[in-house]
N, C-alpha and C. Protein backbone atom coordinates (compact mmCIF):
# COMPACT_ATOMS: atom_id res chain seq x y z
N UNK A 1 -29.90 -36.26 1.50
CA UNK A 1 -28.53 -36.65 1.19
C UNK A 1 -27.64 -37.44 2.31
N UNK A 2 -27.06 -38.36 1.38
CA UNK A 2 -26.06 -39.40 2.15
C UNK A 2 -25.13 -38.32 3.14
N UNK A 3 -25.17 -39.43 4.19
CA UNK A 3 -23.54 -38.69 4.97
C UNK A 3 -22.42 -38.46 4.55
N UNK A 4 -21.79 -39.48 2.94
CA UNK A 4 -20.93 -39.04 2.22
C UNK A 4 -21.03 -37.45 1.55
N UNK A 5 -21.98 -37.43 1.17
CA UNK A 5 -22.50 -36.37 0.56
C UNK A 5 -22.21 -35.07 0.99
N UNK A 6 -22.92 -35.17 2.39
CA UNK A 6 -22.81 -34.15 3.06
C UNK A 6 -21.49 -33.68 3.87
N UNK A 7 -20.54 -34.58 3.54
CA UNK A 7 -18.80 -34.06 4.07
C UNK A 7 -18.50 -33.86 2.69
N UNK A 8 -18.64 -34.19 1.41
CA UNK A 8 -18.13 -33.58 0.52
C UNK A 8 -18.31 -32.46 0.20
N UNK A 9 -19.93 -32.15 0.48
CA UNK A 9 -20.18 -30.61 0.28
C UNK A 9 -19.82 -29.50 1.72
N UNK A 10 -19.51 -30.19 2.55
CA UNK A 10 -18.82 -29.18 3.54
C UNK A 10 -17.17 -29.40 3.12
N UNK A 11 -16.69 -30.51 2.96
CA UNK A 11 -15.39 -30.14 2.36
C UNK A 11 -15.07 -28.60 0.87
N UNK A 12 -16.37 -28.64 0.29
CA UNK A 12 -16.23 -27.88 -0.88
C UNK A 12 -15.92 -26.24 -0.33
N UNK A 13 -16.98 -26.54 0.75
CA UNK A 13 -17.36 -24.56 1.02
C UNK A 13 -16.75 -24.47 2.53
N UNK A 14 -15.42 -25.27 2.67
CA UNK A 14 -14.41 -24.97 4.08
C UNK A 14 -13.75 -23.83 3.95
N UNK A 15 -13.06 -22.95 4.48
CA UNK A 15 -12.34 -22.31 4.30
C UNK A 15 -10.50 -22.63 4.28
N UNK A 16 -10.15 -22.34 3.66
CA UNK A 16 -8.42 -22.91 3.71
C UNK A 16 -7.47 -21.63 3.70
N UNK A 17 -7.75 -20.57 3.34
CA UNK A 17 -7.11 -19.23 4.06
C UNK A 17 -6.68 -18.78 5.28
N UNK A 18 -6.69 -18.10 6.10
CA UNK A 18 -7.07 -17.66 7.28
C UNK A 18 -8.14 -16.41 7.28
N UNK A 19 -8.54 -16.07 7.95
CA UNK A 19 -9.84 -15.32 8.35
C UNK A 19 -9.13 -13.63 7.82
N UNK A 20 -7.89 -13.47 8.30
CA UNK A 20 -7.31 -12.08 8.27
C UNK A 20 -5.74 -11.94 8.47
N UNK A 21 -5.29 -11.16 8.19
CA UNK A 21 -3.92 -10.78 8.75
C UNK A 21 -3.66 -10.04 10.09
N UNK A 22 -2.91 -10.74 10.84
CA UNK A 22 -3.33 -10.03 12.13
C UNK A 22 -2.25 -8.61 12.15
N UNK A 23 -0.69 -9.12 11.98
CA UNK A 23 0.38 -8.16 11.90
C UNK A 23 1.84 -9.08 11.34
N UNK A 24 2.67 -8.15 11.40
CA UNK A 24 4.05 -8.32 10.55
C UNK A 24 4.60 -7.63 11.70
N UNK A 25 6.16 -8.33 11.82
CA UNK A 25 7.20 -8.37 12.52
C UNK A 25 8.87 -7.79 11.59
N UNK A 26 9.59 -7.05 12.18
CA UNK A 26 10.23 -6.80 11.25
C UNK A 26 11.86 -6.59 12.63
N UNK A 27 13.02 -7.12 11.61
CA UNK A 27 14.19 -6.75 12.68
C UNK A 27 14.76 -5.49 12.02
N UNK A 28 15.36 -4.97 13.01
CA UNK A 28 15.57 -3.35 12.27
C UNK A 28 16.75 -2.78 13.28
N UNK A 29 18.42 -1.84 12.62
CA UNK A 29 18.68 -1.37 13.36
C UNK A 29 18.16 -0.03 13.17
N UNK A 30 17.12 0.32 12.99
CA UNK A 30 16.70 1.79 13.02
C UNK A 30 15.45 2.15 13.97
N UNK A 31 15.15 1.05 15.10
CA UNK A 31 13.97 0.81 15.77
C UNK A 31 13.37 1.99 15.81
N UNK A 32 14.03 3.19 16.64
CA UNK A 32 13.52 4.21 17.10
C UNK A 32 13.18 4.77 15.96
N UNK A 33 13.43 5.00 14.99
CA UNK A 33 13.38 5.84 13.30
C UNK A 33 12.65 5.76 12.87
N UNK A 34 12.02 3.88 13.29
CA UNK A 34 10.48 3.38 12.86
C UNK A 34 9.54 3.26 13.30
N UNK A 35 9.77 3.32 14.74
CA UNK A 35 8.58 3.85 15.59
C UNK A 35 8.12 5.14 15.65
N UNK A 36 9.21 6.07 15.57
CA UNK A 36 8.69 7.77 15.43
C UNK A 36 7.46 7.58 13.79
N UNK A 37 8.16 6.99 12.66
CA UNK A 37 7.91 6.90 11.49
C UNK A 37 6.43 6.72 11.32
N UNK A 38 6.32 5.20 12.08
CA UNK A 38 4.84 4.74 12.03
C UNK A 38 3.82 5.11 13.11
N UNK A 39 4.48 6.29 13.66
CA UNK A 39 3.10 7.03 14.38
C UNK A 39 3.24 8.17 14.00
N UNK A 40 4.19 9.12 13.25
CA UNK A 40 3.66 9.75 12.46
C UNK A 40 2.30 9.29 11.00
N UNK A 41 2.67 8.32 10.58
CA UNK A 41 2.12 7.69 9.27
C UNK A 41 0.66 7.26 9.84
N UNK A 42 0.96 6.33 10.39
CA UNK A 42 -0.34 5.63 11.03
C UNK A 42 -1.10 6.21 12.44
N UNK A 43 -0.68 6.67 13.15
CA UNK A 43 -0.86 7.42 14.15
C UNK A 43 -0.82 6.04 15.51
N UNK A 44 0.40 5.22 14.94
CA UNK A 44 0.61 4.16 15.91
C UNK A 44 0.75 4.05 17.23
N UNK A 45 0.62 3.55 18.07
CA UNK A 45 0.96 3.83 19.48
C UNK A 45 1.77 2.86 19.88
N UNK A 46 2.41 3.14 20.88
CA UNK A 46 3.35 1.64 21.48
C UNK A 46 2.39 1.09 22.87
N UNK A 47 2.39 -0.29 22.16
CA UNK A 47 1.34 -1.05 23.08
C UNK A 47 2.05 -1.66 24.43
N UNK A 48 3.45 -1.70 23.87
CA UNK A 48 4.84 -2.36 24.95
C UNK A 48 6.24 -2.25 24.11
N UNK A 49 6.88 -1.84 24.55
CA UNK A 49 8.29 -1.39 24.60
C UNK A 49 9.68 -1.99 25.51
N UNK A 50 10.43 -2.38 25.40
CA UNK A 50 11.43 -2.86 25.99
C UNK A 50 12.72 -2.89 25.53
N UNK A 51 14.43 -2.86 26.13
CA UNK A 51 15.46 -2.97 25.05
C UNK A 51 15.47 -3.72 23.67
N UNK A 52 14.93 -4.46 23.57
CA UNK A 52 14.66 -5.69 22.57
C UNK A 52 13.51 -5.91 21.44
N UNK A 53 12.34 -5.52 22.04
CA UNK A 53 11.44 -5.22 20.64
C UNK A 53 9.74 -3.84 21.50
N UNK A 54 9.60 -3.78 20.29
CA UNK A 54 8.49 -2.64 20.16
C UNK A 54 7.18 -3.35 19.41
N UNK A 55 5.89 -3.43 20.58
CA UNK A 55 4.70 -3.52 19.73
C UNK A 55 4.01 -2.06 19.50
N UNK A 56 3.58 -2.40 18.28
CA UNK A 56 2.66 -1.14 17.74
C UNK A 56 1.13 -1.17 17.14
N UNK A 57 0.45 -0.62 17.21
CA UNK A 57 -0.82 -0.88 16.98
C UNK A 57 -1.38 0.61 16.24
N UNK A 58 -2.66 0.46 15.37
CA UNK A 58 -3.41 1.62 14.98
C UNK A 58 -4.90 1.48 14.87
N UNK A 59 -5.14 0.15 15.56
CA UNK A 59 -6.69 -0.07 15.68
C UNK A 59 -6.82 -1.31 16.71
N UNK A 60 -8.11 -1.72 16.70
CA UNK A 60 -8.44 -2.19 18.04
C UNK A 60 -7.58 -3.89 18.30
N UNK A 61 -6.94 -4.06 17.29
CA UNK A 61 -5.97 -5.27 17.53
C UNK A 61 -4.68 -5.08 18.50
N UNK A 62 -4.11 -6.02 19.22
CA UNK A 62 -3.31 -5.61 19.96
C UNK A 62 -1.84 -5.00 19.41
N UNK A 63 -1.77 -5.62 18.61
CA UNK A 63 -0.51 -5.14 17.94
C UNK A 63 -0.75 -5.09 16.56
N UNK A 64 -0.36 -4.77 15.78
CA UNK A 64 -0.27 -4.55 14.27
C UNK A 64 1.21 -4.82 13.82
N UNK A 65 2.24 -4.34 14.11
CA UNK A 65 3.55 -4.38 14.07
C UNK A 65 4.10 -4.47 15.05
N UNK A 66 5.48 -5.58 15.31
CA UNK A 66 6.55 -5.61 15.86
C UNK A 66 7.91 -4.93 15.76
N UNK A 67 8.55 -4.29 16.31
CA UNK A 67 9.96 -4.18 15.63
C UNK A 67 10.89 -5.12 16.59
N UNK A 68 11.85 -5.79 16.11
CA UNK A 68 12.71 -6.17 16.80
C UNK A 68 13.96 -5.79 16.53
N UNK A 69 14.56 -5.05 17.97
CA UNK A 69 16.15 -4.27 17.75
C UNK A 69 17.04 -4.98 17.56
N UNK A 70 18.26 -4.58 16.41
CA UNK A 70 19.24 -5.50 16.09
C UNK A 70 20.36 -4.40 16.44
N UNK A 71 21.53 -4.74 17.20
CA UNK A 71 22.53 -3.78 16.94
C UNK A 71 22.82 -2.54 15.73
N UNK A 72 22.89 -1.50 16.30
CA UNK A 72 22.95 -0.64 14.80
C UNK A 72 23.96 -0.84 13.94
N UNK A 73 25.54 -1.39 14.37
CA UNK A 73 26.31 -1.96 13.36
C UNK A 73 26.08 -2.86 12.16
N UNK A 74 24.94 -3.69 12.83
CA UNK A 74 24.07 -4.66 12.27
C UNK A 74 24.02 -3.71 10.39
N UNK A 75 23.33 -2.64 10.43
CA UNK A 75 22.84 -1.91 9.02
C UNK A 75 24.40 -1.89 8.28
N UNK A 76 25.38 -2.04 8.30
CA UNK A 76 26.18 -1.72 7.99
C UNK A 76 26.93 -2.90 6.99
N UNK A 77 26.33 -4.26 7.99
CA UNK A 77 26.69 -5.28 7.35
C UNK A 77 26.39 -5.59 6.16
N UNK A 78 24.90 -5.41 5.80
CA UNK A 78 23.82 -5.06 4.76
C UNK A 78 23.51 -4.07 4.32
N UNK A 79 24.87 -3.18 3.77
CA UNK A 79 24.83 -2.07 3.09
C UNK A 79 23.70 -1.71 1.94
N UNK A 80 23.28 -2.97 0.88
CA UNK A 80 22.48 -2.91 0.31
C UNK A 80 20.65 -3.49 0.82
N UNK A 81 20.41 -3.68 1.91
CA UNK A 81 19.44 -4.19 2.25
C UNK A 81 18.03 -3.91 1.55
N UNK A 82 17.81 -2.38 1.64
CA UNK A 82 17.09 -1.74 1.54
C UNK A 82 16.89 -1.71 -0.22
N UNK A 83 17.86 -1.96 -1.14
CA UNK A 83 17.24 -2.19 -2.38
C UNK A 83 16.80 -3.52 -2.68
N UNK A 84 16.92 -4.67 -1.71
CA UNK A 84 16.88 -5.76 -2.45
C UNK A 84 15.43 -6.13 -2.63
N UNK A 85 14.87 -5.59 -2.37
CA UNK A 85 12.92 -5.70 -2.58
C UNK A 85 13.08 -5.19 -3.81
N UNK A 86 13.96 -4.74 -4.40
CA UNK A 86 13.64 -4.20 -6.35
C UNK A 86 14.17 -5.68 -7.20
N UNK A 87 14.68 -6.14 -6.30
CA UNK A 87 14.88 -7.54 -7.37
C UNK A 87 14.55 -8.54 -6.91
N UNK A 88 14.11 -8.68 -5.68
CA UNK A 88 13.65 -9.83 -5.05
C UNK A 88 12.67 -10.32 -4.13
N UNK A 89 11.81 -10.94 -3.76
CA UNK A 89 11.12 -11.08 -2.23
C UNK A 89 10.08 -10.26 -2.64
N UNK A 90 9.45 -9.95 -1.01
CA UNK A 90 7.99 -9.23 -0.61
C UNK A 90 8.39 -7.76 -1.43
N UNK A 91 7.32 -7.29 -2.61
CA UNK A 91 7.85 -5.88 -3.14
C UNK A 91 7.02 -4.96 -2.02
N UNK A 92 5.85 -5.00 -1.52
CA UNK A 92 5.13 -4.13 -0.79
C UNK A 92 4.15 -4.83 0.22
N UNK A 93 3.46 -4.03 0.91
CA UNK A 93 2.37 -4.24 1.61
C UNK A 93 1.33 -3.19 1.06
N UNK A 94 -0.05 -3.73 1.14
CA UNK A 94 -0.88 -2.68 0.84
C UNK A 94 -1.87 -2.35 1.89
N UNK A 95 -2.46 -1.33 1.71
CA UNK A 95 -3.72 -1.14 2.89
C UNK A 95 -4.63 -0.04 2.22
N UNK A 96 -5.94 -0.27 2.12
CA UNK A 96 -6.74 0.15 1.59
C UNK A 96 -7.42 1.20 2.47
N UNK A 97 -7.72 2.12 1.77
CA UNK A 97 -8.62 3.31 2.41
C UNK A 97 -10.06 3.47 1.60
N UNK A 98 -10.93 4.02 2.42
CA UNK A 98 -12.52 3.64 1.83
C UNK A 98 -12.71 4.90 1.44
N UNK A 99 -12.03 5.61 1.08
CA UNK A 99 -12.18 6.73 0.01
C UNK A 99 -11.44 7.46 -0.72
N UNK A 100 -11.66 7.92 -1.68
CA UNK A 100 -10.44 9.18 -2.64
C UNK A 100 -10.09 9.94 -1.59
N UNK A 101 -10.94 10.38 -1.35
CA UNK A 101 -10.67 11.98 -0.55
C UNK A 101 -9.97 11.78 0.56
N UNK A 102 -10.30 10.39 1.67
CA UNK A 102 -9.08 10.10 2.41
C UNK A 102 -7.73 9.58 2.24
N UNK A 103 -7.87 8.92 0.97
CA UNK A 103 -6.58 8.78 0.97
C UNK A 103 -5.68 10.31 0.15
N UNK A 104 -6.46 11.01 -0.30
CA UNK A 104 -5.93 12.09 -0.92
C UNK A 104 -5.56 13.28 0.19
N UNK A 105 -6.45 13.31 1.26
CA UNK A 105 -6.20 14.29 1.85
C UNK A 105 -5.48 13.59 3.54
N UNK A 106 -4.90 12.73 3.25
CA UNK A 106 -4.15 12.05 3.91
C UNK A 106 -2.65 11.97 3.40
N UNK A 107 -1.94 12.04 2.24
CA UNK A 107 -1.50 12.71 1.31
C UNK A 107 -1.03 14.04 1.64
N UNK A 108 -1.83 14.71 1.65
CA UNK A 108 -1.58 16.25 2.15
C UNK A 108 -1.00 16.59 3.61
N UNK A 109 -1.80 15.55 4.60
CA UNK A 109 -0.83 15.54 5.75
C UNK A 109 0.19 15.18 5.68
N UNK A 110 0.47 14.26 5.35
CA UNK A 110 1.63 13.81 5.52
C UNK A 110 2.89 14.51 4.31
N UNK A 111 2.82 15.19 3.52
CA UNK A 111 3.48 15.89 2.88
C UNK A 111 3.91 17.02 3.96
N UNK A 112 3.09 17.90 4.91
CA UNK A 112 3.15 18.69 5.24
C UNK A 112 4.02 18.23 6.05
N UNK A 113 4.47 16.92 7.00
CA UNK A 113 5.07 16.82 7.39
C UNK A 113 6.46 16.43 7.13
N UNK A 114 6.83 16.57 5.60
CA UNK A 114 7.75 15.64 4.64
C UNK A 114 7.74 14.35 4.40
N UNK A 115 6.65 13.93 4.70
CA UNK A 115 6.53 12.71 4.35
C UNK A 115 5.84 12.33 2.91
N UNK A 116 6.55 12.07 1.39
CA UNK A 116 6.01 12.11 0.45
C UNK A 116 6.10 10.53 -0.34
N UNK A 117 5.03 10.30 -1.14
CA UNK A 117 5.13 9.20 -1.77
C UNK A 117 6.32 8.81 -2.71
N UNK A 118 6.84 7.91 -3.00
CA UNK A 118 7.72 7.54 -3.88
C UNK A 118 7.12 7.25 -5.29
N UNK A 119 5.93 6.92 -5.81
CA UNK A 119 5.43 6.58 -6.55
C UNK A 119 3.74 7.04 -6.40
N UNK A 120 3.23 7.58 -7.60
CA UNK A 120 1.99 7.85 -7.59
C UNK A 120 1.05 7.52 -8.83
N UNK A 121 -0.01 6.39 -9.00
CA UNK A 121 -0.33 6.15 -9.68
C UNK A 121 -1.64 5.15 -9.72
N UNK A 122 -2.37 5.35 -11.18
CA UNK A 122 -3.29 4.84 -11.11
C UNK A 122 -3.19 3.42 -11.96
N UNK A 123 -3.28 2.37 -11.07
CA UNK A 123 -2.99 1.08 -11.83
C UNK A 123 -4.68 0.56 -12.71
N UNK A 124 -5.26 1.31 -12.62
CA UNK A 124 -6.60 0.82 -13.31
C UNK A 124 -8.02 0.42 -12.15
N UNK A 125 -7.34 -0.37 -11.50
CA UNK A 125 -8.21 -1.39 -10.34
C UNK A 125 -7.94 -0.53 -8.96
N UNK A 126 -6.48 0.45 -8.71
CA UNK A 126 -6.60 0.87 -7.75
C UNK A 126 -5.98 2.19 -7.95
N UNK A 127 -6.12 3.16 -7.68
CA UNK A 127 -5.44 4.56 -7.15
C UNK A 127 -4.38 4.89 -6.09
N UNK A 128 -3.21 4.24 -6.52
CA UNK A 128 -2.10 4.33 -5.06
C UNK A 128 -0.72 5.19 -4.87
N UNK A 129 -0.57 5.18 -4.07
CA UNK A 129 0.27 6.05 -3.50
C UNK A 129 1.25 5.00 -3.01
N UNK A 130 2.80 5.07 -3.82
CA UNK A 130 3.64 4.42 -2.43
C UNK A 130 4.25 4.97 -1.54
N UNK A 131 4.76 4.28 -0.22
CA UNK A 131 5.53 5.26 0.81
C UNK A 131 6.58 4.25 0.68
N UNK A 132 8.04 4.44 1.60
CA UNK A 132 8.89 3.86 2.00
C UNK A 132 9.00 3.89 3.57
N UNK A 133 9.07 3.35 4.43
CA UNK A 133 9.84 3.36 6.22
C UNK A 133 11.29 3.81 5.89
N UNK A 134 11.68 3.73 7.22
CA UNK A 134 13.15 4.34 7.00
C UNK A 134 13.72 3.02 6.79
N UNK A 135 13.57 1.67 6.81
CA UNK A 135 14.63 0.47 6.34
C UNK A 135 13.98 0.83 4.87
N UNK A 136 13.05 1.30 4.14
CA UNK A 136 13.06 1.05 2.71
C UNK A 136 12.12 0.24 2.59
N UNK A 137 10.71 -0.45 3.70
CA UNK A 137 9.71 -1.51 3.37
C UNK A 137 9.04 -0.50 2.25
N UNK A 138 8.32 -1.13 1.21
CA UNK A 138 7.61 -0.16 0.64
C UNK A 138 5.66 -0.54 1.36
N UNK A 139 5.12 0.68 0.96
CA UNK A 139 3.76 0.41 1.96
C UNK A 139 2.84 1.21 0.86
N UNK A 140 1.92 0.37 0.34
CA UNK A 140 0.87 1.12 -0.79
C UNK A 140 -0.39 1.55 -0.22
N UNK A 141 -0.49 3.01 -0.67
CA UNK A 141 -2.04 3.34 0.34
C UNK A 141 -2.63 3.80 -1.00
N UNK A 142 -3.63 2.45 -1.04
CA UNK A 142 -4.66 2.18 -2.16
C UNK A 142 -6.07 2.76 -1.79
N UNK A 143 -6.95 3.00 -3.03
CA UNK A 143 -9.06 3.16 -3.09
C UNK A 143 -8.68 2.09 -4.22
N UNK A 144 -9.86 1.58 -3.79
CA UNK A 144 -10.65 0.66 -4.95
C UNK A 144 -10.71 1.34 -5.84
N UNK A 145 -10.99 1.09 -7.05
CA UNK A 145 -12.02 1.99 -8.06
C UNK A 145 -13.16 1.52 -8.35
N UNK A 146 -13.03 -0.23 -8.04
CA UNK A 146 -14.42 -0.50 -8.47
C UNK A 146 -14.71 -1.72 -7.55
N UNK A 147 -15.91 -2.63 -7.56
CA UNK A 147 -16.01 -3.49 -6.51
C UNK A 147 -15.56 -4.69 -7.20
N UNK A 148 -14.98 -5.69 -6.10
CA UNK A 148 -14.36 -6.81 -6.39
C UNK A 148 -14.65 -7.52 -7.78
N UNK A 149 -15.97 -7.68 -7.77
CA UNK A 149 -16.86 -8.19 -9.26
C UNK A 149 -16.34 -7.28 -10.46
N UNK A 150 -16.09 -6.00 -10.25
CA UNK A 150 -15.74 -5.30 -11.34
C UNK A 150 -14.23 -5.22 -11.89
N UNK A 151 -13.26 -5.36 -10.75
CA UNK A 151 -12.08 -5.37 -10.81
C UNK A 151 -11.79 -7.08 -11.36
N UNK A 152 -12.50 -8.14 -11.24
CA UNK A 152 -12.38 -9.13 -11.71
C UNK A 152 -12.76 -9.10 -13.09
N UNK A 153 -13.55 -8.68 -13.97
CA UNK A 153 -14.04 -8.60 -15.26
C UNK A 153 -12.87 -7.27 -16.17
N UNK A 154 -12.39 -6.56 -15.07
CA UNK A 154 -11.80 -5.30 -15.85
C UNK A 154 -10.17 -6.12 -16.47
N UNK A 155 -9.77 -7.14 -15.25
CA UNK A 155 -8.44 -7.75 -15.71
C UNK A 155 -8.67 -8.75 -16.90
N UNK A 156 -10.06 -8.98 -17.27
CA UNK A 156 -9.78 -9.75 -18.45
C UNK A 156 -10.37 -8.52 -20.11
N UNK A 157 -9.69 -7.36 -19.30
CA UNK A 157 -10.17 -6.53 -21.06
C UNK A 157 -8.89 -6.17 -21.30
N UNK A 158 -9.34 -5.30 -22.47
CA UNK A 158 -7.97 -5.44 -23.96
C UNK A 158 -7.38 -4.48 -23.36
N UNK A 159 -8.26 -3.21 -22.18
CA UNK A 159 -7.69 -2.47 -21.53
C UNK A 159 -6.20 -2.49 -20.95
N UNK A 160 -6.64 -3.24 -19.93
CA UNK A 160 -5.28 -4.10 -18.88
C UNK A 160 -4.38 -4.77 -19.27
N UNK A 161 -4.59 -5.52 -20.60
CA UNK A 161 -3.70 -5.94 -21.09
C UNK A 161 -2.89 -5.29 -21.59
N UNK A 162 -3.00 -4.27 -22.67
CA UNK A 162 -2.38 -3.14 -22.71
C UNK A 162 -1.54 -2.50 -22.35
N UNK A 163 -1.90 -2.16 -20.71
CA UNK A 163 -1.83 -1.51 -19.87
C UNK A 163 -2.10 -2.00 -18.86
N UNK A 164 -1.21 -3.05 -17.92
CA UNK A 164 -1.07 -3.73 -17.04
C UNK A 164 -0.72 -2.92 -15.50
N UNK A 165 0.11 -1.91 -15.99
CA UNK A 165 0.62 -1.15 -14.95
C UNK A 165 0.26 0.15 -14.11
N UNK A 166 -0.14 0.55 -15.36
CA UNK A 166 -1.07 1.62 -15.08
C UNK A 166 -0.63 2.96 -15.82
N UNK A 167 -0.97 4.40 -14.99
CA UNK A 167 -0.65 5.82 -15.72
C UNK A 167 -0.06 6.66 -14.34
N UNK A 168 1.08 7.26 -13.89
CA UNK A 168 1.38 8.05 -13.11
C UNK A 168 0.47 9.28 -13.11
N UNK A 169 -0.17 9.60 -11.72
CA UNK A 169 -1.16 10.81 -11.62
C UNK A 169 -0.43 11.76 -10.46
N UNK A 170 -1.02 12.86 -10.93
CA UNK A 170 -0.74 14.02 -9.59
C UNK A 170 -1.60 13.77 -8.16
N UNK A 171 -1.43 13.50 -7.59
CA UNK A 171 -1.99 13.23 -5.94
C UNK A 171 -3.05 14.97 -5.81
N UNK A 172 -2.22 16.13 -5.85
CA UNK A 172 -2.63 17.16 -5.89
C UNK A 172 -3.54 17.75 -6.94
N UNK A 173 -3.35 17.18 -8.02
CA UNK A 173 -4.72 17.31 -8.91
C UNK A 173 -5.86 16.81 -8.82
N UNK A 174 -5.55 15.58 -8.30
CA UNK A 174 -7.32 14.63 -8.16
C UNK A 174 -7.55 14.89 -6.97
N UNK A 175 -7.07 15.44 -6.08
CA UNK A 175 -7.43 15.96 -4.79
C UNK A 175 -8.35 17.55 -5.42
N UNK A 176 -7.50 18.88 -5.87
CA UNK A 176 -8.37 20.20 -6.47
C UNK A 176 -9.56 19.33 -7.30
N UNK A 177 -9.76 18.52 -7.99
CA UNK A 177 -10.85 17.70 -8.67
C UNK A 177 -12.29 17.72 -8.47
N UNK A 178 -11.56 16.70 -6.65
CA UNK A 178 -12.54 16.23 -5.86
C UNK A 178 -13.20 17.55 -5.16
N UNK A 179 -12.36 18.38 -4.90
CA UNK A 179 -12.58 19.84 -3.73
C UNK A 179 -13.73 20.36 -4.97
N UNK A 180 -13.63 20.25 -6.37
CA UNK A 180 -14.01 21.35 -7.57
C UNK A 180 -15.48 19.85 -7.13
N UNK A 181 -15.98 19.41 -6.77
CA UNK A 181 -16.77 18.38 -6.93
C UNK A 181 -17.29 17.30 -7.86
N UNK A 182 -15.68 16.88 -8.50
CA UNK A 182 -15.72 16.17 -9.64
C UNK A 182 -16.14 14.97 -8.59
N UNK A 183 -16.36 13.94 -9.23
CA UNK A 183 -17.05 12.30 -8.41
C UNK A 183 -15.76 11.55 -8.40
N UNK A 184 -15.68 10.77 -7.46
CA UNK A 184 -14.69 9.34 -7.69
C UNK A 184 -14.86 8.87 -8.66
N UNK A 185 -16.01 8.57 -9.70
CA UNK A 185 -16.13 7.74 -10.66
C UNK A 185 -15.93 8.60 -11.88
N UNK A 186 -16.30 9.62 -11.77
CA UNK A 186 -15.43 10.31 -13.04
C UNK A 186 -13.75 10.77 -12.82
N UNK A 187 -13.45 10.45 -11.96
CA UNK A 187 -11.74 10.43 -11.85
C UNK A 187 -11.39 9.14 -11.57
N UNK A 188 -11.96 8.26 -12.39
CA UNK A 188 -11.71 6.74 -12.27
C UNK A 188 -10.59 6.35 -13.58
N UNK A 189 -11.02 7.08 -14.29
CA UNK A 189 -10.49 6.71 -15.27
C UNK A 189 -8.65 7.09 -15.38
N UNK A 190 -8.10 5.98 -15.77
CA UNK A 190 -6.43 6.24 -15.62
C UNK A 190 -5.64 7.65 -16.31
N UNK A 191 -6.61 8.23 -16.92
CA UNK A 191 -5.39 9.50 -17.30
C UNK A 191 -6.05 10.30 -16.92
N UNK A 192 -6.92 10.34 -16.07
CA UNK A 192 -8.12 11.47 -15.69
C UNK A 192 -7.05 12.19 -14.24
N UNK A 193 -6.12 11.15 -13.60
CA UNK A 193 -4.98 11.96 -12.57
C UNK A 193 -4.33 12.78 -13.15
N UNK A 194 -4.10 13.07 -14.41
CA UNK A 194 -2.99 13.69 -15.39
C UNK A 194 -2.91 15.21 -15.33
N UNK A 195 -2.05 15.73 -14.93
CA UNK A 195 -3.05 17.37 -14.75
C UNK A 195 -2.59 18.03 -16.22
N UNK A 196 -3.85 18.65 -16.49
CA UNK A 196 -3.32 19.05 -18.21
C UNK A 196 -2.36 19.79 -18.36
N UNK A 197 -1.87 19.38 -19.61
CA UNK A 197 -0.52 20.17 -20.35
C UNK A 197 0.90 19.59 -19.81
N UNK A 198 0.31 17.88 -19.16
CA UNK A 198 1.91 17.29 -18.99
C UNK A 198 1.49 16.05 -19.64
N UNK A 199 2.54 15.22 -19.97
CA UNK A 199 2.96 14.12 -20.93
C UNK A 199 2.15 13.21 -19.79
N UNK A 200 1.94 11.66 -20.44
CA UNK A 200 0.83 11.07 -19.94
C UNK A 200 2.20 9.78 -19.45
N UNK A 201 2.57 9.16 -18.66
CA UNK A 201 3.66 8.04 -18.26
C UNK A 201 2.62 7.31 -18.24
N UNK A 202 2.59 6.07 -18.87
CA UNK A 202 1.85 4.78 -18.91
C UNK A 202 2.99 3.74 -18.84
N UNK A 203 2.38 2.43 -18.26
CA UNK A 203 2.53 1.12 -18.42
C UNK A 203 4.22 1.00 -18.32
N UNK A 204 4.90 0.71 -18.86
CA UNK A 204 6.40 0.19 -18.60
C UNK A 204 7.46 2.00 -18.35
N UNK A 205 6.65 2.78 -19.06
CA UNK A 205 7.67 4.03 -18.71
C UNK A 205 7.28 4.65 -17.31
N UNK A 206 5.83 3.99 -17.07
CA UNK A 206 6.41 4.72 -15.03
C UNK A 206 7.15 4.00 -14.26
N UNK A 207 7.79 2.98 -14.75
CA UNK A 207 9.05 2.15 -14.20
C UNK A 207 10.32 2.79 -14.14
N UNK A 208 10.87 3.63 -12.80
CA UNK A 208 12.14 4.02 -12.88
C UNK A 208 12.58 3.44 -11.77
N UNK A 209 14.02 3.63 -11.36
CA UNK A 209 15.07 3.40 -10.13
C UNK A 209 13.98 4.09 -8.88
N UNK A 210 13.93 4.73 -8.91
CA UNK A 210 12.11 5.54 -7.90
C UNK A 210 11.48 4.78 -7.62
N UNK A 211 10.33 4.56 -8.50
CA UNK A 211 9.19 3.94 -8.60
C UNK A 211 9.78 2.23 -8.58
N UNK A 212 10.39 1.30 -8.89
CA UNK A 212 10.70 0.22 -9.24
C UNK A 212 10.65 -0.71 -7.90
């Protein structure tokens, strides 16, 4: 193979995207509330904090979230800021759990301390619980229903084309099924998370002021 051909082959296989997401940074007039919330929800620890900034982490990374404190009155300048996401800009950040059981046991843990999802849905590719922090930033806690290859194939099915949003589910019903010995594979169908006797809320009907 010529040097020119080698250069071409190297160019084709070289990475373009970064290797991983390191952290995100927010500016907030609710710094102390956010530190407490992420401590509760993520088990986040303060790595460094002064009057202006807090660095938090919950794994091996030096910091995953930085919160820049702004004066409390600033929040009154933007009274609708927490609703901006509903119509424009970044909608949410998604985090994956390695098993459905871990996702749902975490749901119970958070519910006991008053933190509940604003939306619980089986999208098809994932079963997802959406939470909002004190500033209204939306976080998706999800578990994958399929392998990446299976999900790619699922995106091309008529089932997904007919309902690209999903079906609202009951996390406690799903967990009760798991505890009875029903497998995640059996709970992957989107309607499997609907408690018997309850109406099925699907696709655009899942969207309302709370879930939007």
